Amino acid sequence: MKRIHFDNLSKNWFLITILILSIIFLLFGIFELIPFENPKINKGISGIGFLLQGLFISRMFWYKNYVQWNKKGAVIRINSFTIKSLSFDQIKATELNDKKLIVIKTNGNNVMFDLNEIAESDSQKLNELIIKNTIANNV
């Protein structure tokens, strides 16, 4: 059975530090806050900032099954190349039946995830994560 890689953005201080560093590098490189004799140094500094941003954004493509969430919503990629984004305040209910997770939104649309090759513990964890954050936003 395949596993899902879960990534909580709110509690991952390493990623938050990388984002802050990339913003600092971009600001210093683009606006040339420190004048260097060689102008290529500023381009290199901004290049490092763009590289750090690219590494952060590409994390979801490192794993075939990936869930990234914070208190507002989740980005889910399971058994496909496409990514589905869910906002927790727009979720009405979830159903986990026959290795299929169905998320019912408040506007009536359904989002279905096929969990055939996914470990049962990870399927339960994904369902509980969505339910917990949906309840927290509706209270």
C-alpha atoms as a PDB file:
ATOM      1  CA  MET A   1       0.000   0.000   0.000  1.00  0.00           C
ATOM      2  CA  LYS A   2       1.152   3.491  -0.805  1.00  0.00           C
ATOM      3  CA  ARG A   3       1.499   6.182   1.832  1.00  0.00           C
ATOM      4  CA  ILE A   4       0.401   9.815   1.799  1.00  0.00           C
ATOM      5  CA  HIS A   5       2.922  12.497   2.728  1.00  0.00           C
ATOM      6  CA  PHE A   6       1.214  14.977   5.087  1.00  0.00           C
ATOM      7  CA  ASP A   7       2.646  18.488   5.435  1.00  0.00           C
ATOM      8  CA  ASN A   8       1.202  20.978   7.933  1.00  0.00           C
ATOM      9  CA  LEU A   9       2.340  24.414   6.817  1.00  0.00           C
ATOM     10  CA  SER A  10       1.359  26.073  10.097  1.00  0.00           C
ATOM     11  CA  LYS A  11       3.817  24.035  12.156  1.00  0.00           C
ATOM     12  CA  ASN A  12       6.721  23.514   9.752  1.00  0.00           C
ATOM     13  CA  TRP A  13       9.161  26.215  10.880  1.00  0.00           C
ATOM     14  CA  PHE A  14      11.842  25.058   8.440  1.00  0.00           C
ATOM     15  CA  LEU A  15       9.603  25.894   5.459  1.00  0.00           C
ATOM     16  CA  ILE A  16       8.510  29.180   6.993  1.00  0.00           C
ATOM     17  CA  THR A  17      12.182  30.113   7.467  1.00  0.00           C
ATOM     18  CA  ILE A  18      12.942  29.242   3.823  1.00  0.00           C
ATOM     19  CA  LEU A  19      10.066  31.443   2.654  1.00  0.00           C
ATOM     20  CA  ILE A  20      11.223  34.386   4.766  1.00  0.00           C
ATOM     21  CA  LEU A  21      14.811  33.962   3.543  1.00  0.00           C
ATOM     22  CA  SER A  22      13.673  33.815  -0.084  1.00  0.00           C
ATOM     23  CA  ILE A  23      11.698  37.039   0.326  1.00  0.00           C
ATOM     24  CA  ILE A  24      14.710  38.747   1.918  1.00  0.00           C
ATOM     25  CA  PHE A  25      17.007  37.554  -0.899  1.00  0.00           C
ATOM     26  CA  LEU A  26      14.515  38.750  -3.506  1.00  0.00           C
ATOM     27  CA  LEU A  27      14.168  42.188  -1.899  1.00  0.00           C
ATOM     28  CA  PHE A  28      17.929  42.654  -1.542  1.00  0.00           C
ATOM     29  CA  GLY A  29      18.611  41.352  -5.051  1.00  0.00           C
ATOM     30  CA  ILE A  30      15.896  43.149  -7.005  1.00  0.00           C
ATOM     31  CA  PHE A  31      15.962  46.532  -5.260  1.00  0.00           C
ATOM     32  CA  GLU A  32      19.766  46.516  -4.778  1.00  0.00           C
ATOM     33  CA  LEU A  33      19.569  47.634  -1.148  1.00  0.00           C
ATOM     34  CA  ILE A  34      23.302  47.000  -0.735  1.00  0.00           C
ATOM     35  CA  PRO A  35      25.382  48.525  -3.553  1.00  0.00           C
ATOM     36  CA  PHE A  36      28.044  46.067  -4.757  1.00  0.00           C
ATOM     37  CA  GLU A  37      30.857  46.897  -7.156  1.00  0.00           C
ATOM     38  CA  ASN A  38      29.883  43.961  -9.340  1.00  0.00           C
ATOM     39  CA  PRO A  39      26.173  44.146 -10.397  1.00  0.00           C
ATOM     40  CA  LYS A  40      26.114  40.386 -10.969  1.00  0.00           C
ATOM     41  CA  ILE A  41      26.119  39.861  -7.196  1.00  0.00           C
ATOM     42  CA  ASN A  42      22.639  41.394  -6.909  1.00  0.00           C
ATOM     43  CA  LYS A  43      21.427  39.150  -9.733  1.00  0.00           C
ATOM     44  CA  GLY A  44      22.901  36.161  -7.924  1.00  0.00           C
ATOM     45  CA  ILE A  45      21.177  37.132  -4.674  1.00  0.00           C
ATOM     46  CA  SER A  46      17.805  37.448  -6.416  1.00  0.00           C
ATOM     47  CA  GLY A  47      18.490  34.145  -8.201  1.00  0.00           C
ATOM     48  CA  ILE A  48      18.946  32.437  -4.836  1.00  0.00           C
ATOM     49  CA  GLY A  49      15.604  33.894  -3.740  1.00  0.00           C
ATOM     50  CA  PHE A  50      13.854  32.549  -6.844  1.00  0.00           C
ATOM     51  CA  LEU A  51      15.524  29.159  -6.370  1.00  0.00           C
ATOM     52  CA  LEU A  52      14.284  28.925  -2.776  1.00  0.00           C
ATOM     53  CA  GLN A  53      10.741  29.832  -3.918  1.00  0.00           C
ATOM     54  CA  GLY A  54      10.914  27.165  -6.622  1.00  0.00           C
ATOM     55  CA  LEU A  55      12.040  24.520  -4.134  1.00  0.00           C
ATOM     56  CA  PHE A  56       9.196  25.431  -1.795  1.00  0.00           C
ATOM     57  CA  ILE A  57       6.550  25.280  -4.524  1.00  0.00           C
ATOM     58  CA  SER A  58       7.913  22.081  -6.069  1.00  0.00           C
ATOM     59  CA  ARG A  59       7.600  20.097  -2.819  1.00  0.00           C
ATOM     60  CA  MET A  60       4.169  18.826  -3.777  1.00  0.00           C
ATOM     61  CA  PHE A  61       5.594  17.213  -6.906  1.00  0.00           C
ATOM     62  CA  TRP A  62       8.243  15.231  -5.017  1.00  0.00           C
ATOM     63  CA  TYR A  63       5.602  12.777  -3.761  1.00  0.00           C
ATOM     64  CA  LYS A  64       2.912  10.949  -5.724  1.00  0.00           C
ATOM     65  CA  ASN A  65       0.456  11.268  -2.833  1.00  0.00           C
ATOM     66  CA  TYR A  66       0.712  14.582  -1.025  1.00  0.00           C
ATOM     67  CA  VAL A  67      -1.485  16.625   1.328  1.00  0.00           C
ATOM     68  CA  GLN A  68      -0.473  20.120   2.376  1.00  0.00           C
ATOM     69  CA  TRP A  69      -2.725  22.073   4.723  1.00  0.00           C
ATOM     70  CA  ASN A  70      -3.050  24.947   7.134  1.00  0.00           C
ATOM     71  CA  LYS A  71      -6.028  26.302   9.102  1.00  0.00           C
ATOM     72  CA  LYS A  72      -7.709  27.761   5.984  1.00  0.00           C
ATOM     73  CA  GLY A  73      -7.562  24.884   3.502  1.00  0.00           C
ATOM     74  CA  ALA A  74      -5.740  21.965   1.953  1.00  0.00           C
ATOM     75  CA  VAL A  75      -4.012  21.106  -1.289  1.00  0.00           C
ATOM     76  CA  ILE A  76      -4.454  17.416  -2.101  1.00  0.00           C
ATOM     77  CA  ARG A  77      -2.701  15.361  -4.755  1.00  0.00           C
ATOM     78  CA  ILE A  78      -3.535  11.649  -4.736  1.00  0.00           C
ATOM     79  CA  ASN A  79      -2.764   9.191  -7.561  1.00  0.00           C
ATOM     80  CA  SER A  80      -2.678  11.891 -10.234  1.00  0.00           C
ATOM     81  CA  PHE A  81      -0.685  14.823 -11.537  1.00  0.00           C
ATOM     82  CA  THR A  82      -3.535  17.265 -10.939  1.00  0.00           C
ATOM     83  CA  ILE A  83      -3.918  19.055  -7.643  1.00  0.00           C
ATOM     84  CA  LYS A  84      -7.231  19.737  -5.918  1.00  0.00           C
ATOM     85  CA  SER A  85      -7.545  22.649  -3.540  1.00  0.00           C
ATOM     86  CA  LEU A  86     -10.124  22.628  -0.750  1.00  0.00           C
ATOM     87  CA  SER A  87     -11.136  25.515   1.457  1.00  0.00           C
ATOM     88  CA  PHE A  88     -12.274  24.219   4.852  1.00  0.00           C
ATOM     89  CA  ASP A  89     -15.008  26.847   5.237  1.00  0.00           C
ATOM     90  CA  GLN A  90     -16.681  25.589   2.029  1.00  0.00           C
ATOM     91  CA  ILE A  91     -16.939  21.927   3.111  1.00  0.00           C
ATOM     92  CA  LYS A  92     -20.291  20.631   4.274  1.00  0.00           C
ATOM     93  CA  ALA A  93     -19.514  16.942   4.899  1.00  0.00           C
ATOM     94  CA  THR A  94     -17.212  14.050   4.011  1.00  0.00           C
ATOM     95  CA  GLU A  95     -17.894  10.383   3.294  1.00  0.00           C
ATOM     96  CA  LEU A  96     -15.314   7.589   3.293  1.00  0.00           C
ATOM     97  CA  ASN A  97     -16.820   4.533   1.550  1.00  0.00           C
ATOM     98  CA  ASP A  98     -15.182   1.682  -0.359  1.00  0.00           C
ATOM     99  CA  LYS A  99     -11.771   3.366  -0.589  1.00  0.00           C
ATOM    100  CA  LYS A 100     -13.312   6.557  -1.975  1.00  0.00           C
ATOM    101  CA  LEU A 101     -13.320   9.850  -0.109  1.00  0.00           C
ATOM    102  CA  ILE A 102     -16.142  12.152  -1.170  1.00  0.00           C
ATOM    103  CA  VAL A 103     -16.030  15.763  -0.013  1.00  0.00           C
ATOM    104  CA  ILE A 104     -19.384  17.557  -0.250  1.00  0.00           C
ATOM    105  CA  LYS A 105     -19.081  21.315  -0.560  1.00  0.00           C
ATOM    106  CA  THR A 106     -21.641  23.872   0.626  1.00  0.00           C
ATOM    107  CA  ASN A 107     -22.445  24.844  -2.978  1.00  0.00           C
ATOM    108  CA  GLY A 108     -23.497  21.251  -3.755  1.00  0.00           C
ATOM    109  CA  ASN A 109     -20.396  20.198  -5.713  1.00  0.00           C
ATOM    110  CA  ASN A 110     -18.658  16.954  -4.821  1.00  0.00           C
ATOM    111  CA  VAL A 111     -14.930  16.276  -4.932  1.00  0.00           C
ATOM    112  CA  MET A 112     -13.950  12.609  -5.036  1.00  0.00           C
ATOM    113  CA  PHE A 113     -10.586  11.075  -4.211  1.00  0.00           C
ATOM    114  CA  ASP A 114      -9.844   7.459  -5.186  1.00  0.00           C
ATOM    115  CA  LEU A 115      -7.923   5.898  -2.300  1.00  0.00           C
ATOM    116  CA  ASN A 116      -7.628   2.356  -3.761  1.00  0.00           C
ATOM    117  CA  GLU A 117      -3.865   2.018  -3.425  1.00  0.00           C
ATOM    118  CA  ILE A 118      -3.568   4.105  -0.238  1.00  0.00           C
ATOM    119  CA  ALA A 119      -2.948   2.617   3.214  1.00  0.00           C
ATOM    120  CA  GLU A 120      -6.045   2.494   5.407  1.00  0.00           C
ATOM    121  CA  SER A 121      -4.381   4.504   8.186  1.00  0.00           C
ATOM    122  CA  ASP A 122      -3.578   7.339   5.777  1.00  0.00           C
ATOM    123  CA  SER A 123      -7.118   7.302   4.364  1.00  0.00           C
ATOM    124  CA  GLN A 124      -8.498   7.653   7.889  1.00  0.00           C
ATOM    125  CA  LYS A 125      -5.987  10.388   8.724  1.00  0.00           C
ATOM    126  CA  LEU A 126      -6.971  12.388   5.620  1.00  0.00           C
ATOM    127  CA  ASN A 127     -10.669  12.076   6.460  1.00  0.00           C
ATOM    128  CA  GLU A 128     -10.088  13.061  10.103  1.00  0.00           C
ATOM    129  CA  LEU A 129      -7.920  16.014   9.043  1.00  0.00           C
ATOM    130  CA  ILE A 130     -10.694  17.368   6.816  1.00  0.00           C
ATOM    131  CA  ILE A 131     -13.403  16.774   9.438  1.00  0.00           C
ATOM    132  CA  LYS A 132     -11.356  18.334  12.268  1.00  0.00           C
ATOM    133  CA  ASN A 133     -10.529  21.489  10.326  1.00  0.00           C
ATOM    134  CA  THR A 134     -14.055  21.810   8.918  1.00  0.00           C
ATOM    135  CA  ILE A 135     -15.578  21.589  12.413  1.00  0.00           C
ATOM    136  CA  ALA A 136     -13.033  24.069  13.765  1.00  0.00           C
ATOM    137  CA  ASN A 137     -14.020  26.591  11.088  1.00  0.00           C
ATOM    138  CA  ASN A 138     -17.761  26.100  11.553  1.00  0.00           C
ATOM    139  CA  VAL A 139     -17.755  26.643  15.327  1.00  0.00           C
END
